[in-house]
């Protein structure tokens, strides 16, 4: 135990500051990402007037690179030594990269369609590195914020609450900022079809994102430094040492790339949750990408997108708070599956009964209640699967494994490029052509039935592939502590 005089200058960290830091980062990043997920494709087809086929190609190129960027980001975090800590550093660097490049994604370039498409795809590809490192660092805050499974469950629920708040806050301010700025600059009837409104929104949301990341950065550093001086956690000790000076740990102590890959593909719980969550992200990304088209052409109410996001976000927030209350009473897998089944049911209800903005919004709000259950448990499940892998291989590669755990959103975006990108091509959609009944039916199918089928596959995979529970994790954590691999003896 460290001498009390040595720990006196270091204030005790606040677990609540870390919890709400995670909440704020997830909320602010969610809002920035919603601009891309909901409006980027619409911007390209309806504002930049790029052909649907070219837009589908841009989405495919960008989302394909995004998946390759996941392991690249993991290797970057393992190998690059930044002066503010191995994990916390990327909370500072990542959001700057993301916001600047997102702004370049919402530009109507006065160039040929091929050149404009190349610039848009390149901006998204480069943004992916910032996204992956930032999100991985936030996820690592869950793993490093506590070694106790119950406290990790609370941290995971804060992530779910942040995701819910994202929808609520974005629904209130997102589209109004876009339309207000566009109408002020271009004319009263511009609405969603101007450039500067998206730029203004990204500047506002990007500033909030950096502030949230900086808040989490400060308090995570305090926690790591405190743990180092108290001699509590070997992993925290390593990270805190790297935060105070460039680590002296020999590079040849690092696991080889082959071992790092093996730790992923021989980890059945990790593979199962990644695939299941990836399929879930396809459904969500497809729905967000189709919202502007659905409300404008199928429902006939373009402003309904804002109402949908606000109402569903409010319901999701209530669901996230409720999940935090019951998180200790149920296994994480049970809550995750309950949320997954809720969303699957809502897809079917949307297809058969969502005939107005209000009916669609009500069913969508219930869908987001299911999403709250999933978001409130997914990071805890990832953390358990990562610790299982470290325990199984007796080698610590948490940054790498948590970076791979960032694969599902990328897989979701990649799948979205087929569902919404090539899907629009398949149904014959064109922003400059008249909407036929066949095209409208195609929009409804892309929004609901196709994602529903994908969800069925995800449920089967998770049930049979993810077998970890709290009792097993307590044993694993204790044994990791004995091996000085970052576990807890609690």
Foldseek 3Di string as FASTA:
>chain_A
DFDPVVCVVFDAFDLVLLLLLLLLLLLLVLLLVLCVLFPLLVLVCQALVQWLQLSLVLLQLQLVLLLVLLLVLLVCLVPDQDQQWSQLVLLQVLLVLQLVLVLQLLDNDPDDSVVSSVSNSVSSSSNSSSVLSNVLSSLVSLLLSDQALLSSLSSLLSSLLSNLSNLQVCLVPPQVQLQVVCCVPPHNPCRNRDRVSSNVNSVVSSVSNSVSSVSSSVSSLSNLVSCLSVVAFLVSVQRNVSSNDNGPDDPVLADDPVLLVCLQPVLLLLVLLLLLLLLVLLLVSLQSHLVQVCCCPQQVHNSLSSVLSNLLSVLSNVLSVVCSVCVVVDWLLVLLLQLLVQLLVLLVCCLPPVRHSVSNSVSSSSNSSSVSSNSSRSSSSLSLSQLVSCLVSVHASSSSSSSSSVSSNSSSSSSSSVLPSVLLVVQPDHPPDDDDPSSSNSSSCSNGVVSSVSSVVSSVSNVPRNDDTSVVSLVSLCVCVVSSRGGHVD
